[in-house]
Amino acid sequence: MTRTTLGLIAVFALIAAACVTFGAYFSYVTLLNAHKGIIEARFGIAARRVADVAEQAASFGIALPAQQALTDILAREARIEPALLSMDLVDEHGTVLFSSAPGRAGGHAAADGGGRVVAQVRDDLGRSIGSVVVRYDPHILAAGAAALFDGLKTVSLATLGGAFVATVLIGLLLAAALRRAVRRAAEPAMWPAAAKSALASVAAAHQRAGASWSLRGRK
């Protein structure tokens, strides 16, 4: 009985640990994706503001390469977000026309590293004539991931400890109930009234059968 009880407790503890582990993992992935989405949405708003300015100027016939004022606008937007590495206005071929970072003009945005958020610049006909590319420091995501991991680890360990204690207590209660049931089954005096009545009926039937065979033997 003791071995069975310990085995059941171990199985239930493993199931609880697996549930907590998978729950923590899926929560971590979900929160990490949400964190990335929030950051990129924030950078996307800044990129959209610059794209709207470029589209408005283009609607007055000013081509993207001629929009020199965008350099100051890009630099101003980049100063608002410290995590931004650069904010570039690129043409339809990916060449950087203007940038918040000195020396990036004339380069190719596709070869740059870091996280990227892109807002398309379109003309009055809806055709893409360029884009605003925001490059942000990927360490901002790593820092958020580390904070999420630490928080979930603390909660998961506490939950796992609580689940283990609850599993042991439930296992002990079930084992005690099983022992009581076994004792009742081994002692007819502890049986309920219906079981005692059934046992008496069986005993009476056996006695009648035994008497009948005795009478047949005498004849």
Protein backbone atom coordinates (compact mmCIF):
# COMPACT_ATOMS: atom_id res chain seq x y z
CA MET A 1 0.00 0.00 0.00
CA THR A 2 2.77 2.44 0.90
CA ARG A 3 4.58 1.72 -2.37
CA THR A 4 1.38 2.29 -4.33
CA THR A 5 0.74 5.56 -2.52
CA LEU A 6 4.26 6.83 -3.19
CA GLY A 7 3.97 5.82 -6.84
CA LEU A 8 0.70 7.71 -7.27
CA ILE A 9 2.11 10.79 -5.57
CA ALA A 10 5.17 10.71 -7.84
CA VAL A 11 2.99 10.38 -10.97
CA PHE A 12 0.71 13.24 -9.92
CA ALA A 13 3.73 15.40 -9.04
CA LEU A 14 5.25 14.81 -12.50
CA ILE A 15 1.94 15.69 -14.18
CA ALA A 16 1.67 18.90 -12.13
CA ALA A 17 5.29 19.82 -12.94
CA ALA A 18 4.70 19.23 -16.66
CA CYS A 19 1.55 21.38 -16.63
CA VAL A 20 3.31 24.25 -14.83
CA THR A 21 6.34 24.02 -17.16
CA PHE A 22 4.32 24.05 -20.38
CA GLY A 23 2.09 26.82 -19.04
CA ALA A 24 5.10 28.95 -18.15
CA TYR A 25 6.71 28.35 -21.56
CA PHE A 26 3.62 29.29 -23.56
CA SER A 27 3.05 32.33 -21.34
CA TYR A 28 6.66 33.41 -21.93
CA VAL A 29 6.34 33.09 -25.71
CA THR A 30 3.02 34.93 -25.74
CA LEU A 31 4.27 37.78 -23.56
CA LEU A 32 7.52 38.03 -25.53
CA ASN A 33 5.63 38.38 -28.82
CA ALA A 34 3.34 40.95 -27.22
CA HIS A 35 6.36 42.88 -25.91
CA LYS A 36 7.94 42.91 -29.38
CA GLY A 37 4.66 43.99 -30.93
CA ILE A 38 4.30 46.92 -28.51
CA ILE A 39 7.86 48.12 -29.17
CA GLU A 40 7.54 47.89 -32.94
CA ALA A 41 4.14 49.56 -32.84
CA ARG A 42 5.70 52.49 -30.96
CA PHE A 43 8.49 52.78 -33.51
CA GLY A 44 5.99 52.32 -36.31
CA ILE A 45 4.08 55.41 -35.17
CA ALA A 46 7.24 57.51 -35.50
CA ALA A 47 7.97 56.03 -38.93
CA ARG A 48 4.40 56.73 -40.04
CA ARG A 49 4.66 60.38 -39.02
CA VAL A 50 7.72 60.86 -41.25
CA ALA A 51 6.09 58.91 -44.08
CA ASP A 52 3.02 61.16 -43.90
CA VAL A 53 5.22 64.25 -44.22
CA ALA A 54 7.01 62.75 -47.24
CA GLU A 55 3.70 61.79 -48.87
CA GLN A 56 2.27 65.26 -48.33
CA ALA A 57 5.32 66.85 -49.96
CA ALA A 58 5.16 64.35 -52.82
CA SER A 59 1.51 65.27 -53.40
CA PHE A 60 2.73 68.84 -54.16
CA GLY A 61 5.15 67.48 -56.76
CA ILE A 62 8.30 67.42 -54.60
CA ALA A 63 10.22 64.22 -55.36
CA LEU A 64 11.73 62.28 -52.46
CA PRO A 65 15.38 63.16 -53.30
CA ALA A 66 14.46 66.85 -53.17
CA GLN A 67 12.89 66.76 -49.71
CA GLN A 68 15.96 68.05 -47.88
CA ALA A 69 13.95 69.10 -44.82
CA LEU A 70 13.41 65.41 -43.99
CA THR A 71 16.94 65.20 -42.58
CA ASP A 72 16.00 67.45 -39.65
CA ILE A 73 12.66 65.68 -39.19
CA LEU A 74 14.36 62.29 -39.08
CA ALA A 75 16.91 63.52 -36.55
CA ARG A 76 14.18 65.00 -34.35
CA GLU A 77 12.15 61.76 -34.36
CA ALA A 78 15.25 59.71 -33.61
CA ARG A 79 16.05 61.87 -30.57
CA ILE A 80 12.61 61.12 -29.11
CA GLU A 81 13.34 57.37 -29.00
CA PRO A 82 16.74 56.60 -27.38
CA ALA A 83 16.56 52.96 -28.53
CA LEU A 84 16.60 54.01 -32.22
CA LEU A 85 19.84 53.37 -34.07
CA SER A 86 18.74 55.33 -37.10
CA MET A 87 15.72 56.48 -39.05
CA ASP A 88 16.18 56.51 -42.82
CA LEU A 89 14.19 57.59 -45.82
CA VAL A 90 14.98 55.21 -48.69
CA ASP A 91 13.84 55.19 -52.29
CA GLU A 92 12.09 52.33 -54.07
CA HIS A 93 15.46 50.67 -54.73
CA GLY A 94 16.47 50.61 -51.04
CA THR A 95 19.05 53.42 -51.29
CA VAL A 96 19.18 55.72 -48.28
CA LEU A 97 18.28 59.26 -49.34
CA PHE A 98 18.20 60.92 -45.92
CA SER A 99 19.04 59.63 -42.48
CA SER A 100 19.12 60.67 -38.83
CA ALA A 101 22.62 59.14 -38.58
CA PRO A 102 25.41 61.04 -40.36
CA GLY A 103 27.14 59.14 -43.15
CA ARG A 104 24.32 56.72 -43.91
CA ALA A 105 23.02 58.62 -46.93
CA GLY A 106 23.86 56.82 -50.16
CA GLY A 107 24.10 53.39 -48.50
CA HIS A 108 21.74 50.47 -48.89
CA ALA A 109 19.25 49.89 -46.09
CA ALA A 110 18.81 46.17 -46.82
CA ALA A 111 22.37 45.44 -45.64
CA ASP A 112 21.86 47.02 -42.21
CA GLY A 113 21.58 45.04 -39.01
CA GLY A 114 19.31 45.45 -35.99
CA GLY A 115 15.57 45.31 -35.70
CA ARG A 116 13.59 47.01 -38.44
CA VAL A 117 10.23 48.71 -38.74
CA VAL A 118 9.18 49.94 -42.18
CA ALA A 119 6.49 52.43 -43.19
CA GLN A 120 5.76 52.72 -46.91
CA VAL A 121 5.70 56.11 -48.66
CA ARG A 122 3.11 56.19 -51.47
CA ASP A 123 2.11 58.67 -54.12
CA ASP A 124 -1.40 59.90 -54.84
CA LEU A 125 -2.08 56.77 -56.91
CA GLY A 126 -1.13 54.46 -54.07
CA ARG A 127 2.15 53.35 -55.63
CA SER A 128 5.16 52.87 -53.36
CA ILE A 129 7.82 55.50 -54.03
CA GLY A 130 9.99 54.76 -51.01
CA SER A 131 9.84 53.92 -47.33
CA VAL A 132 10.87 55.07 -43.90
CA VAL A 133 13.07 52.46 -42.23
CA VAL A 134 13.52 52.54 -38.47
CA ARG A 135 16.45 50.56 -37.10
CA TYR A 136 16.29 49.89 -33.37
CA ASP A 137 18.67 48.33 -30.89
CA PRO A 138 17.81 44.59 -30.51
CA HIS A 139 19.06 44.74 -26.93
CA ILE A 140 15.80 46.42 -25.98
CA LEU A 141 14.05 43.15 -26.85
CA ALA A 142 16.69 41.09 -25.03
CA ALA A 143 16.27 43.20 -21.89
CA GLY A 144 12.51 42.75 -22.02
CA ALA A 145 12.90 39.01 -22.58
CA ALA A 146 15.22 38.73 -19.58
CA ALA A 147 12.77 40.63 -17.36
CA LEU A 148 9.89 38.44 -18.50
CA PHE A 149 11.93 35.29 -17.91
CA ASP A 150 12.89 36.34 -14.38
CA GLY A 151 9.30 37.25 -13.51
CA LEU A 152 7.84 34.04 -14.91
CA LYS A 153 10.57 31.96 -13.24
CA THR A 154 9.67 33.37 -9.84
CA VAL A 155 5.95 32.79 -10.38
CA SER A 156 6.50 29.32 -11.87
CA LEU A 157 8.70 28.13 -9.01
CA ALA A 158 6.16 29.32 -6.46
CA THR A 159 3.35 27.66 -8.43
CA LEU A 160 5.37 24.46 -8.79
CA GLY A 161 6.05 24.36 -5.05
CA GLY A 162 2.37 24.89 -4.28
CA ALA A 163 1.35 22.22 -6.79
CA PHE A 164 3.83 19.75 -5.27
CA VAL A 165 2.53 20.34 -1.73
CA ALA A 166 -1.08 20.07 -2.91
CA THR A 167 -0.26 16.86 -4.79
CA VAL A 168 1.34 15.28 -1.73
CA LEU A 169 -1.58 16.27 0.50
CA ILE A 170 -4.16 14.97 -1.96
CA GLY A 171 -2.18 11.74 -2.38
CA LEU A 172 -2.05 11.23 1.38
CA LEU A 173 -5.77 11.91 1.72
CA LEU A 174 -6.56 9.45 -1.07
CA ALA A 175 -4.26 6.85 0.50
CA ALA A 176 -5.97 7.29 3.89
CA ALA A 177 -9.39 6.95 2.28
CA LEU A 178 -8.22 3.81 0.45
CA ARG A 179 -6.92 2.29 3.69
CA ARG A 180 -10.23 2.96 5.42
CA ALA A 181 -12.08 1.37 2.52
CA VAL A 182 -9.85 -1.72 2.68
CA ARG A 183 -10.40 -2.04 6.45
CA ARG A 184 -14.16 -1.78 6.03
CA ALA A 185 -14.08 -4.40 3.30
CA ALA A 186 -12.07 -6.80 5.52
CA GLU A 187 -14.36 -6.39 8.54
CA PRO A 188 -18.03 -7.29 7.86
CA ALA A 189 -19.06 -5.63 11.12
CA MET A 190 -18.13 -2.26 9.58
CA TRP A 191 -20.13 -2.86 6.41
CA PRO A 192 -23.21 -0.69 5.74
CA ALA A 193 -26.65 -2.12 6.51
CA ALA A 194 -27.43 -3.00 2.91
CA ALA A 195 -24.17 -4.97 2.58
CA LYS A 196 -24.81 -6.79 5.87
CA SER A 197 -28.32 -7.70 4.71
CA ALA A 198 -26.95 -9.02 1.42
CA LEU A 199 -24.30 -11.05 3.27
CA ALA A 200 -26.98 -12.50 5.58
CA SER A 201 -29.08 -13.44 2.57
CA VAL A 202 -26.13 -15.22 0.97
CA ALA A 203 -25.35 -17.05 4.22
CA ALA A 204 -28.99 -18.14 4.57
CA ALA A 205 -29.01 -19.38 1.01
CA HIS A 206 -25.85 -21.40 1.68
CA GLN A 207 -27.43 -22.90 4.80
CA ARG A 208 -30.58 -23.88 2.91
CA ALA A 209 -28.52 -25.42 0.16
CA GLY A 210 -26.44 -27.35 2.71
CA ALA A 211 -29.56 -28.64 4.48
CA SER A 212 -31.07 -29.74 1.21
CA TRP A 213 -27.95 -31.73 0.27
CA SER A 214 -27.94 -33.30 3.74
CA LEU A 215 -31.52 -34.50 3.36
CA ARG A 216 -30.73 -35.96 -0.04
CA GLY A 217 -27.73 -37.81 1.42
CA ARG A 218 -29.86 -39.44 4.12
CA LYS A 219 -32.37 -40.70 1.61
